[in-house]
N, C-alpha and C. Protein backbone atom coordinates (compact mmCIF):
# COMPACT_ATOMS: atom_id res chain seq x y z
N UNK A 1 4.00 -5.93 -14.25
CA UNK A 1 5.27 -6.60 -14.08
C UNK A 1 6.06 -6.57 -15.38
N UNK A 2 5.36 -6.79 -16.49
CA UNK A 2 6.02 -6.79 -17.79
C UNK A 2 6.57 -5.40 -18.09
N UNK A 3 5.80 -4.38 -17.74
CA UNK A 3 6.25 -3.01 -17.94
C UNK A 3 7.50 -2.72 -17.12
N UNK A 4 7.50 -3.18 -15.87
CA UNK A 4 8.67 -2.98 -15.02
C UNK A 4 9.90 -3.70 -15.56
N UNK A 5 9.72 -4.94 -15.98
CA UNK A 5 10.85 -5.72 -16.48
C UNK A 5 11.38 -5.17 -17.80
N UNK A 6 10.51 -4.63 -18.63
CA UNK A 6 10.93 -4.12 -19.93
C UNK A 6 11.64 -2.79 -19.83
N UNK A 7 11.04 -1.85 -19.13
CA UNK A 7 11.57 -0.49 -19.13
C UNK A 7 12.47 -0.17 -17.94
N UNK A 8 12.40 -0.95 -16.88
CA UNK A 8 13.21 -0.68 -15.70
C UNK A 8 13.96 -1.94 -15.28
N UNK A 9 14.95 -2.36 -16.07
CA UNK A 9 15.68 -3.58 -15.70
C UNK A 9 16.52 -3.36 -14.45
N UNK A 10 16.93 -4.46 -13.85
CA UNK A 10 17.76 -4.41 -12.65
C UNK A 10 19.09 -3.75 -12.99
N UNK A 11 19.45 -2.72 -12.26
CA UNK A 11 20.69 -2.00 -12.56
C UNK A 11 21.85 -2.57 -11.75
N UNK A 12 23.04 -2.19 -12.15
CA UNK A 12 24.24 -2.67 -11.45
C UNK A 12 24.35 -2.04 -10.07
N UNK A 13 23.81 -0.83 -9.91
CA UNK A 13 23.90 -0.14 -8.62
C UNK A 13 23.03 -0.82 -7.57
N UNK A 14 21.93 -1.43 -8.00
CA UNK A 14 21.02 -2.03 -7.02
C UNK A 14 21.56 -3.34 -6.45
N UNK A 15 22.59 -3.91 -7.08
CA UNK A 15 23.15 -5.15 -6.56
C UNK A 15 23.87 -4.92 -5.24
N UNK A 16 24.58 -3.81 -5.12
CA UNK A 16 25.30 -3.56 -3.89
C UNK A 16 24.89 -2.30 -3.18
N UNK A 17 24.25 -1.39 -3.89
CA UNK A 17 23.91 -0.11 -3.30
C UNK A 17 22.47 0.25 -3.55
N UNK A 18 22.23 1.56 -3.51
CA UNK A 18 20.87 2.07 -3.66
C UNK A 18 20.78 2.86 -4.95
N UNK A 19 19.87 2.48 -5.81
CA UNK A 19 19.60 3.18 -7.06
C UNK A 19 18.32 3.97 -6.88
N UNK A 20 18.45 5.22 -6.42
CA UNK A 20 17.28 6.03 -6.08
C UNK A 20 16.46 6.35 -7.33
N UNK A 21 17.13 6.66 -8.43
CA UNK A 21 16.40 7.00 -9.65
C UNK A 21 15.60 5.80 -10.16
N UNK A 22 16.21 4.64 -10.19
CA UNK A 22 15.51 3.44 -10.64
C UNK A 22 14.34 3.09 -9.75
N UNK A 23 14.55 3.18 -8.43
CA UNK A 23 13.45 2.88 -7.49
C UNK A 23 12.34 3.91 -7.61
N UNK A 24 12.71 5.18 -7.83
CA UNK A 24 11.70 6.22 -8.01
C UNK A 24 10.85 5.94 -9.24
N UNK A 25 11.49 5.56 -10.33
CA UNK A 25 10.75 5.26 -11.56
C UNK A 25 9.88 4.02 -11.40
N UNK A 26 10.37 3.02 -10.69
CA UNK A 26 9.55 1.82 -10.45
C UNK A 26 8.32 2.16 -9.62
N UNK A 27 8.50 3.01 -8.62
CA UNK A 27 7.36 3.40 -7.79
C UNK A 27 6.38 4.29 -8.57
N UNK A 28 6.90 5.06 -9.53
CA UNK A 28 6.05 5.90 -10.34
C UNK A 28 5.13 5.04 -11.22
N UNK A 29 5.61 3.89 -11.65
CA UNK A 29 4.77 2.98 -12.43
C UNK A 29 3.59 2.50 -11.59
N UNK A 30 3.75 2.44 -10.27
CA UNK A 30 2.66 2.01 -9.39
C UNK A 30 1.48 2.99 -9.41
N UNK A 31 1.71 4.21 -9.90
CA UNK A 31 0.60 5.14 -10.03
C UNK A 31 -0.45 4.60 -11.00
N UNK A 32 -0.02 3.79 -11.97
CA UNK A 32 -0.97 3.16 -12.90
C UNK A 32 -1.90 2.20 -12.15
N UNK A 33 -1.39 1.54 -11.11
CA UNK A 33 -2.24 0.69 -10.28
C UNK A 33 -3.35 1.49 -9.62
N UNK A 34 -2.99 2.68 -9.13
CA UNK A 34 -3.99 3.53 -8.49
C UNK A 34 -5.03 4.00 -9.50
N UNK A 35 -4.58 4.33 -10.70
CA UNK A 35 -5.52 4.73 -11.75
C UNK A 35 -6.45 3.58 -12.10
N UNK A 36 -5.91 2.40 -12.25
CA UNK A 36 -6.74 1.23 -12.54
C UNK A 36 -7.72 0.93 -11.43
N UNK A 37 -7.27 1.07 -10.20
CA UNK A 37 -8.15 0.85 -9.05
C UNK A 37 -9.29 1.87 -9.04
N UNK A 38 -8.97 3.11 -9.37
CA UNK A 38 -9.99 4.17 -9.43
C UNK A 38 -11.01 3.87 -10.54
N UNK A 39 -10.52 3.43 -11.70
CA UNK A 39 -11.43 3.13 -12.81
C UNK A 39 -12.35 1.96 -12.44
N UNK A 40 -11.78 0.93 -11.83
CA UNK A 40 -12.60 -0.23 -11.46
C UNK A 40 -13.64 0.15 -10.41
N UNK A 41 -13.24 0.93 -9.41
CA UNK A 41 -14.20 1.28 -8.35
C UNK A 41 -15.25 2.27 -8.83
N UNK A 42 -14.94 3.10 -9.81
CA UNK A 42 -15.94 4.05 -10.29
C UNK A 42 -16.84 3.45 -11.36
N UNK A 43 -16.40 2.39 -12.00
CA UNK A 43 -17.15 1.81 -13.11
C UNK A 43 -18.26 0.87 -12.63
N UNK A 44 -18.02 0.12 -11.58
CA UNK A 44 -18.98 -0.88 -11.13
C UNK A 44 -19.87 -0.33 -10.04
N UNK A 45 -21.15 -0.68 -10.14
CA UNK A 45 -22.12 -0.23 -9.16
C UNK A 45 -22.02 -1.09 -7.91
N UNK A 46 -22.40 -0.52 -6.82
CA UNK A 46 -22.38 -1.23 -5.55
C UNK A 46 -22.24 -0.25 -4.42
N UNK A 47 -22.34 -0.77 -3.21
CA UNK A 47 -22.16 0.08 -2.04
C UNK A 47 -20.72 0.56 -2.00
N UNK A 48 -20.55 1.84 -1.83
CA UNK A 48 -19.22 2.43 -1.83
C UNK A 48 -18.34 1.91 -0.72
N UNK A 49 -18.94 1.69 0.46
CA UNK A 49 -18.16 1.22 1.59
C UNK A 49 -17.61 -0.17 1.32
N UNK A 50 -18.32 -0.98 0.56
CA UNK A 50 -17.85 -2.32 0.26
C UNK A 50 -16.85 -2.34 -0.89
N UNK A 51 -16.91 -1.35 -1.76
CA UNK A 51 -16.01 -1.31 -2.91
C UNK A 51 -14.56 -1.30 -2.48
N UNK A 52 -14.21 -0.41 -1.56
CA UNK A 52 -12.80 -0.31 -1.19
C UNK A 52 -12.36 -1.51 -0.35
N UNK A 53 -13.29 -2.09 0.42
CA UNK A 53 -12.92 -3.29 1.18
C UNK A 53 -12.64 -4.46 0.23
N UNK A 54 -13.49 -4.63 -0.76
CA UNK A 54 -13.31 -5.72 -1.71
C UNK A 54 -12.05 -5.49 -2.53
N UNK A 55 -11.84 -4.26 -3.00
CA UNK A 55 -10.65 -3.96 -3.80
C UNK A 55 -9.38 -4.15 -2.98
N UNK A 56 -9.37 -3.67 -1.75
CA UNK A 56 -8.19 -3.81 -0.89
C UNK A 56 -7.90 -5.26 -0.54
N UNK A 57 -8.94 -6.00 -0.21
CA UNK A 57 -8.74 -7.43 0.11
C UNK A 57 -8.28 -8.21 -1.11
N UNK A 58 -8.84 -7.91 -2.27
CA UNK A 58 -8.41 -8.60 -3.48
C UNK A 58 -6.98 -8.29 -3.85
N UNK A 59 -6.59 -7.03 -3.73
CA UNK A 59 -5.23 -6.60 -4.03
C UNK A 59 -4.24 -7.26 -3.07
N UNK A 60 -4.57 -7.26 -1.79
CA UNK A 60 -3.69 -7.87 -0.79
C UNK A 60 -3.60 -9.38 -0.97
N UNK A 61 -4.72 -10.01 -1.31
CA UNK A 61 -4.70 -11.45 -1.53
C UNK A 61 -3.86 -11.82 -2.74
N UNK A 62 -3.99 -11.05 -3.81
CA UNK A 62 -3.18 -11.32 -5.00
C UNK A 62 -1.70 -11.16 -4.69
N UNK A 63 -1.34 -10.12 -3.94
CA UNK A 63 0.06 -9.94 -3.57
C UNK A 63 0.55 -11.08 -2.69
N UNK A 64 -0.28 -11.50 -1.75
CA UNK A 64 0.09 -12.60 -0.86
C UNK A 64 0.34 -13.88 -1.65
N UNK A 65 -0.56 -14.19 -2.56
CA UNK A 65 -0.41 -15.42 -3.34
C UNK A 65 0.83 -15.36 -4.22
N UNK A 66 1.07 -14.22 -4.85
CA UNK A 66 2.18 -14.12 -5.79
C UNK A 66 3.55 -14.01 -5.11
N UNK A 67 3.61 -13.49 -3.91
CA UNK A 67 4.93 -13.24 -3.32
C UNK A 67 5.24 -14.06 -2.07
N UNK A 68 4.23 -14.49 -1.31
CA UNK A 68 4.54 -15.06 -0.01
C UNK A 68 4.04 -16.47 0.24
N UNK A 69 3.09 -16.97 -0.52
CA UNK A 69 2.51 -18.27 -0.22
C UNK A 69 3.53 -19.39 -0.34
N UNK A 70 4.26 -19.43 -1.45
CA UNK A 70 5.22 -20.52 -1.64
C UNK A 70 6.33 -20.49 -0.59
N UNK A 71 6.97 -19.34 -0.32
CA UNK A 71 8.00 -19.37 0.74
C UNK A 71 7.45 -19.75 2.11
N UNK A 72 6.25 -19.27 2.43
CA UNK A 72 5.66 -19.65 3.72
C UNK A 72 5.31 -21.13 3.76
N UNK A 73 4.72 -21.63 2.70
CA UNK A 73 4.29 -23.02 2.68
C UNK A 73 5.47 -23.97 2.73
N UNK A 74 6.48 -23.68 1.94
CA UNK A 74 7.64 -24.57 1.87
C UNK A 74 8.54 -24.40 3.09
N UNK A 75 8.84 -23.16 3.45
CA UNK A 75 9.79 -22.90 4.52
C UNK A 75 9.25 -23.13 5.91
N UNK A 76 8.03 -22.72 6.16
CA UNK A 76 7.47 -22.83 7.51
C UNK A 76 7.13 -24.27 7.88
N UNK A 77 7.04 -25.14 6.90
CA UNK A 77 6.74 -26.54 7.19
C UNK A 77 8.00 -27.34 7.51
N UNK A 78 9.15 -26.70 7.42
CA UNK A 78 10.40 -27.39 7.68
C UNK A 78 10.55 -27.78 9.14
N UNK A 79 11.59 -28.54 9.41
CA UNK A 79 11.82 -29.03 10.76
C UNK A 79 12.33 -27.92 11.67
N UNK A 80 13.21 -27.08 11.14
CA UNK A 80 13.79 -26.01 11.95
C UNK A 80 12.92 -24.77 11.90
N UNK A 81 12.82 -24.11 13.05
CA UNK A 81 12.05 -22.88 13.15
C UNK A 81 12.93 -21.70 12.78
N UNK A 82 12.38 -20.76 12.04
CA UNK A 82 13.11 -19.54 11.69
C UNK A 82 12.15 -18.36 11.85
N UNK A 83 12.63 -17.29 12.45
CA UNK A 83 11.82 -16.12 12.72
C UNK A 83 11.41 -15.39 11.45
N UNK A 84 12.11 -15.63 10.34
CA UNK A 84 11.77 -14.89 9.12
C UNK A 84 10.35 -15.22 8.64
N UNK A 85 9.84 -16.40 8.97
CA UNK A 85 8.49 -16.75 8.56
C UNK A 85 7.45 -16.02 9.41
N UNK A 86 7.76 -15.79 10.67
CA UNK A 86 6.89 -14.97 11.52
C UNK A 86 6.91 -13.53 11.00
N UNK A 87 8.09 -13.03 10.65
CA UNK A 87 8.19 -11.68 10.10
C UNK A 87 7.42 -11.57 8.78
N UNK A 88 7.52 -12.59 7.94
CA UNK A 88 6.82 -12.58 6.67
C UNK A 88 5.31 -12.56 6.89
N UNK A 89 4.83 -13.30 7.87
CA UNK A 89 3.40 -13.32 8.19
C UNK A 89 2.93 -11.97 8.72
N UNK A 90 3.72 -11.38 9.61
CA UNK A 90 3.36 -10.07 10.14
C UNK A 90 3.40 -9.01 9.05
N UNK A 91 4.38 -9.11 8.16
CA UNK A 91 4.47 -8.17 7.04
C UNK A 91 3.26 -8.32 6.11
N UNK A 92 2.75 -9.52 5.96
CA UNK A 92 1.54 -9.73 5.16
C UNK A 92 0.34 -9.02 5.78
N UNK A 93 0.25 -9.04 7.11
CA UNK A 93 -0.83 -8.33 7.79
C UNK A 93 -0.70 -6.82 7.62
N UNK A 94 0.54 -6.32 7.69
CA UNK A 94 0.77 -4.89 7.47
C UNK A 94 0.40 -4.53 6.03
N UNK A 95 0.74 -5.39 5.08
CA UNK A 95 0.40 -5.13 3.68
C UNK A 95 -1.11 -5.14 3.46
N UNK A 96 -1.82 -6.00 4.16
CA UNK A 96 -3.28 -6.03 4.06
C UNK A 96 -3.86 -4.69 4.49
N UNK A 97 -3.42 -4.17 5.61
CA UNK A 97 -3.91 -2.88 6.08
C UNK A 97 -3.51 -1.77 5.12
N UNK A 98 -2.28 -1.87 4.58
CA UNK A 98 -1.81 -0.88 3.62
C UNK A 98 -2.69 -0.86 2.37
N UNK A 99 -3.00 -2.02 1.82
CA UNK A 99 -3.79 -2.08 0.59
C UNK A 99 -5.23 -1.63 0.82
N UNK A 100 -5.80 -1.98 1.94
CA UNK A 100 -7.16 -1.52 2.24
C UNK A 100 -7.16 0.00 2.43
N UNK A 101 -6.13 0.54 3.06
CA UNK A 101 -6.05 1.99 3.25
C UNK A 101 -5.90 2.71 1.92
N UNK A 102 -5.05 2.18 1.04
CA UNK A 102 -4.87 2.80 -0.27
C UNK A 102 -6.16 2.73 -1.07
N UNK A 103 -6.86 1.59 -1.03
CA UNK A 103 -8.14 1.48 -1.72
C UNK A 103 -9.15 2.47 -1.15
N UNK A 104 -9.13 2.68 0.17
CA UNK A 104 -10.03 3.65 0.79
C UNK A 104 -9.69 5.06 0.34
N UNK A 105 -8.40 5.38 0.23
CA UNK A 105 -8.00 6.71 -0.23
C UNK A 105 -8.41 6.94 -1.68
N UNK A 106 -8.26 5.92 -2.52
CA UNK A 106 -8.69 6.05 -3.92
C UNK A 106 -10.20 6.26 -3.98
N UNK A 107 -10.94 5.53 -3.15
CA UNK A 107 -12.39 5.68 -3.11
C UNK A 107 -12.76 7.07 -2.60
N UNK A 108 -12.05 7.56 -1.57
CA UNK A 108 -12.33 8.90 -1.06
C UNK A 108 -12.05 9.97 -2.10
N UNK A 109 -11.00 9.77 -2.90
CA UNK A 109 -10.67 10.74 -3.93
C UNK A 109 -11.79 10.84 -4.97
N UNK A 110 -12.46 9.76 -5.25
CA UNK A 110 -13.54 9.76 -6.23
C UNK A 110 -14.87 10.26 -5.69
N UNK A 111 -14.96 10.53 -4.42
CA UNK A 111 -16.21 10.99 -3.81
C UNK A 111 -16.46 12.46 -4.14
N UNK A 112 -17.70 12.76 -4.47
CA UNK A 112 -18.04 14.16 -4.76
C UNK A 112 -18.38 14.93 -3.49
N UNK A 113 -18.70 14.23 -2.41
CA UNK A 113 -19.08 14.91 -1.18
C UNK A 113 -17.91 15.07 -0.20
N UNK A 114 -16.70 14.75 -0.64
CA UNK A 114 -15.53 14.96 0.21
C UNK A 114 -15.18 16.45 0.19
N UNK A 115 -14.86 16.99 1.36
CA UNK A 115 -14.50 18.40 1.43
C UNK A 115 -13.31 18.67 0.52
N UNK A 116 -13.36 19.77 -0.19
CA UNK A 116 -12.28 20.12 -1.13
C UNK A 116 -10.95 20.35 -0.42
N UNK A 117 -11.00 20.71 0.85
CA UNK A 117 -9.76 20.93 1.60
C UNK A 117 -9.06 19.61 1.94
N UNK A 118 -9.77 18.49 1.85
CA UNK A 118 -9.17 17.19 2.17
C UNK A 118 -8.54 16.51 0.95
N UNK A 119 -8.83 17.00 -0.25
CA UNK A 119 -8.29 16.36 -1.45
C UNK A 119 -6.76 16.41 -1.49
N UNK A 120 -6.10 17.53 -1.13
CA UNK A 120 -4.62 17.49 -1.11
C UNK A 120 -4.06 16.49 -0.10
N UNK A 121 -4.75 16.30 1.01
CA UNK A 121 -4.30 15.31 2.00
C UNK A 121 -4.43 13.91 1.44
N UNK A 122 -5.53 13.65 0.74
CA UNK A 122 -5.72 12.34 0.12
C UNK A 122 -4.64 12.09 -0.91
N UNK A 123 -4.35 13.09 -1.74
CA UNK A 123 -3.31 12.94 -2.77
C UNK A 123 -1.93 12.76 -2.15
N UNK A 124 -1.65 13.47 -1.07
CA UNK A 124 -0.36 13.32 -0.38
C UNK A 124 -0.21 11.92 0.19
N UNK A 125 -1.27 11.43 0.82
CA UNK A 125 -1.22 10.08 1.40
C UNK A 125 -1.11 9.01 0.30
N UNK A 126 -1.79 9.22 -0.83
CA UNK A 126 -1.64 8.29 -1.94
C UNK A 126 -0.22 8.30 -2.48
N UNK A 127 0.37 9.48 -2.57
CA UNK A 127 1.76 9.57 -3.02
C UNK A 127 2.72 8.89 -2.06
N UNK A 128 2.53 9.13 -0.77
CA UNK A 128 3.38 8.47 0.22
C UNK A 128 3.21 6.96 0.19
N UNK A 129 1.98 6.51 0.02
CA UNK A 129 1.73 5.07 -0.03
C UNK A 129 2.34 4.45 -1.29
N UNK A 130 2.30 5.19 -2.38
CA UNK A 130 2.85 4.68 -3.63
C UNK A 130 4.38 4.62 -3.59
N UNK A 131 4.99 5.58 -2.94
CA UNK A 131 6.45 5.63 -2.87
C UNK A 131 6.99 5.00 -1.58
N UNK A 132 6.19 4.24 -0.89
CA UNK A 132 6.62 3.57 0.33
C UNK A 132 7.83 2.65 0.12
N UNK A 133 7.89 1.87 -0.96
CA UNK A 133 9.09 1.04 -1.16
C UNK A 133 10.38 1.86 -1.27
N UNK A 134 10.30 3.02 -1.91
CA UNK A 134 11.47 3.88 -2.01
C UNK A 134 11.87 4.42 -0.64
N UNK A 135 10.90 4.82 0.13
CA UNK A 135 11.17 5.32 1.49
C UNK A 135 11.79 4.22 2.34
N UNK A 136 11.28 3.00 2.19
CA UNK A 136 11.83 1.87 2.94
C UNK A 136 13.28 1.60 2.54
N UNK A 137 13.57 1.63 1.24
CA UNK A 137 14.94 1.41 0.77
C UNK A 137 15.89 2.48 1.29
N UNK A 138 15.44 3.71 1.30
CA UNK A 138 16.27 4.80 1.83
C UNK A 138 16.52 4.59 3.32
N UNK A 139 15.50 4.19 4.06
CA UNK A 139 15.68 3.93 5.49
C UNK A 139 16.64 2.78 5.74
N UNK A 140 16.55 1.74 4.92
CA UNK A 140 17.45 0.60 5.09
C UNK A 140 18.89 1.01 4.88
N UNK A 141 19.14 1.77 3.82
CA UNK A 141 20.53 2.13 3.51
C UNK A 141 21.04 3.30 4.36
N UNK A 142 20.21 4.27 4.66
CA UNK A 142 20.66 5.45 5.40
C UNK A 142 20.79 5.17 6.89
N UNK A 143 19.79 4.52 7.45
CA UNK A 143 19.75 4.32 8.89
C UNK A 143 20.27 2.94 9.26
N UNK A 144 20.17 2.00 8.34
CA UNK A 144 20.62 0.64 8.63
C UNK A 144 19.65 -0.13 9.50
N UNK A 145 18.37 -0.04 9.16
CA UNK A 145 17.36 -0.72 9.96
C UNK A 145 17.49 -2.23 9.84
N UNK A 146 17.30 -2.91 10.95
CA UNK A 146 17.26 -4.37 10.95
C UNK A 146 15.90 -4.86 10.52
N UNK A 147 15.73 -6.15 10.44
CA UNK A 147 14.48 -6.70 9.91
C UNK A 147 13.28 -6.41 10.83
N UNK A 148 13.47 -6.55 12.14
CA UNK A 148 12.36 -6.29 13.06
C UNK A 148 12.06 -4.80 13.15
N UNK A 149 13.09 -3.98 13.15
CA UNK A 149 12.89 -2.53 13.19
C UNK A 149 12.23 -2.04 11.91
N UNK A 150 12.62 -2.64 10.79
CA UNK A 150 12.00 -2.28 9.52
C UNK A 150 10.52 -2.66 9.51
N UNK A 151 10.21 -3.82 10.04
CA UNK A 151 8.81 -4.25 10.13
C UNK A 151 8.01 -3.29 11.02
N UNK A 152 8.62 -2.87 12.12
CA UNK A 152 7.96 -1.91 13.01
C UNK A 152 7.77 -0.56 12.31
N UNK A 153 8.77 -0.13 11.53
CA UNK A 153 8.65 1.13 10.79
C UNK A 153 7.54 1.05 9.73
N UNK A 154 7.47 -0.08 9.02
CA UNK A 154 6.39 -0.27 8.05
C UNK A 154 5.03 -0.26 8.73
N UNK A 155 4.94 -0.91 9.87
CA UNK A 155 3.67 -0.95 10.60
C UNK A 155 3.27 0.44 11.09
N UNK A 156 4.24 1.22 11.57
CA UNK A 156 3.94 2.58 12.04
C UNK A 156 3.49 3.47 10.88
N UNK A 157 4.20 3.39 9.76
CA UNK A 157 3.85 4.18 8.58
C UNK A 157 2.45 3.82 8.09
N UNK A 158 2.19 2.52 7.98
CA UNK A 158 0.89 2.06 7.51
C UNK A 158 -0.22 2.44 8.48
N UNK A 159 0.06 2.36 9.77
CA UNK A 159 -0.94 2.75 10.76
C UNK A 159 -1.29 4.22 10.67
N UNK A 160 -0.28 5.06 10.46
CA UNK A 160 -0.55 6.50 10.32
C UNK A 160 -1.42 6.79 9.10
N UNK A 161 -1.06 6.20 7.97
CA UNK A 161 -1.86 6.40 6.75
C UNK A 161 -3.28 5.86 6.95
N UNK A 162 -3.39 4.69 7.56
CA UNK A 162 -4.70 4.08 7.77
C UNK A 162 -5.57 4.90 8.73
N UNK A 163 -4.97 5.42 9.78
CA UNK A 163 -5.75 6.20 10.74
C UNK A 163 -6.24 7.51 10.14
N UNK A 164 -5.40 8.17 9.35
CA UNK A 164 -5.83 9.42 8.71
C UNK A 164 -6.93 9.11 7.68
N UNK A 165 -6.76 8.05 6.90
CA UNK A 165 -7.78 7.67 5.92
C UNK A 165 -9.09 7.32 6.60
N UNK A 166 -9.00 6.59 7.71
CA UNK A 166 -10.21 6.22 8.43
C UNK A 166 -10.90 7.44 9.02
N UNK A 167 -10.12 8.39 9.49
CA UNK A 167 -10.71 9.61 10.05
C UNK A 167 -11.45 10.39 8.97
N UNK A 168 -10.87 10.46 7.77
CA UNK A 168 -11.57 11.14 6.67
C UNK A 168 -12.82 10.37 6.27
N UNK A 169 -12.73 9.06 6.26
CA UNK A 169 -13.89 8.22 5.92
C UNK A 169 -15.00 8.41 6.95
N UNK A 170 -14.66 8.45 8.22
CA UNK A 170 -15.67 8.62 9.26
C UNK A 170 -16.26 10.03 9.25
N UNK A 171 -15.56 10.98 8.68
CA UNK A 171 -16.07 12.34 8.60
C UNK A 171 -17.13 12.53 7.54
N UNK A 172 -17.23 11.63 6.60
CA UNK A 172 -18.20 11.78 5.51
C UNK A 172 -19.64 11.65 6.00
N UNK A 173 -20.02 10.63 6.79
CA UNK A 173 -21.42 10.57 7.25
C UNK A 173 -21.83 11.76 8.10
N UNK A 174 -20.92 12.28 8.91
CA UNK A 174 -21.28 13.44 9.73
C UNK A 174 -21.48 14.67 8.86
N UNK A 175 -20.75 14.77 7.75
CA UNK A 175 -20.97 15.90 6.82
C UNK A 175 -22.34 15.78 6.18
N UNK A 176 -22.74 14.55 5.82
CA UNK A 176 -24.05 14.35 5.22
C UNK A 176 -25.16 14.65 6.21
N UNK A 177 -24.98 14.24 7.45
CA UNK A 177 -26.00 14.47 8.47
C UNK A 177 -26.15 15.97 8.76
N UNK A 178 -25.03 16.70 8.78
CA UNK A 178 -25.09 18.12 9.08
C UNK A 178 -25.61 18.94 7.90
N UNK A 179 -25.52 18.43 6.69
CA UNK A 179 -25.93 19.21 5.53
C UNK A 179 -27.47 19.26 5.38
N UNK A 180 -28.20 18.39 6.04
CA UNK A 180 -29.66 18.37 5.93
C UNK A 180 -30.33 19.38 6.84
N UNK A 181 -29.60 19.96 7.76
CA UNK A 181 -30.23 20.89 8.69
C UNK A 181 -30.09 22.29 8.25
């Protein structure tokens, strides 16, 4: 956060329009998160399958606490009902799946038994996941997505990334089983 605030301050274009260069650079800083996640998962011993679940759950929980707990706690307890709190809760669930999927992709990238032909797919999915906020901003400004449609688009994008990551993850045990014969 300090790096973002220091080197990528809020620009005048982002107040009313879309600053693609600034958003691109902000998303590029998120690559450091992926590097840190890779270092943490490769440094500590433990079951590999649990590593990405713990890392993804921890990452999603930290994001939830830092960005959504106070607005949900204060706003949702009010007398009047507002749909934005339901949207915020659903978006938190989408973010949970997104973070677990990204942690799984980072874990898959560090695997030595992953087929070499799948590494470009893992890197592409990691890049798409890292630049998801930029893609969302472009969709908001170009297409004019509403809040519910945007939530559905985020859920569809996250589901696609998660399903491909899960398919690659499920392919690893079958590769191990077939290699012994």
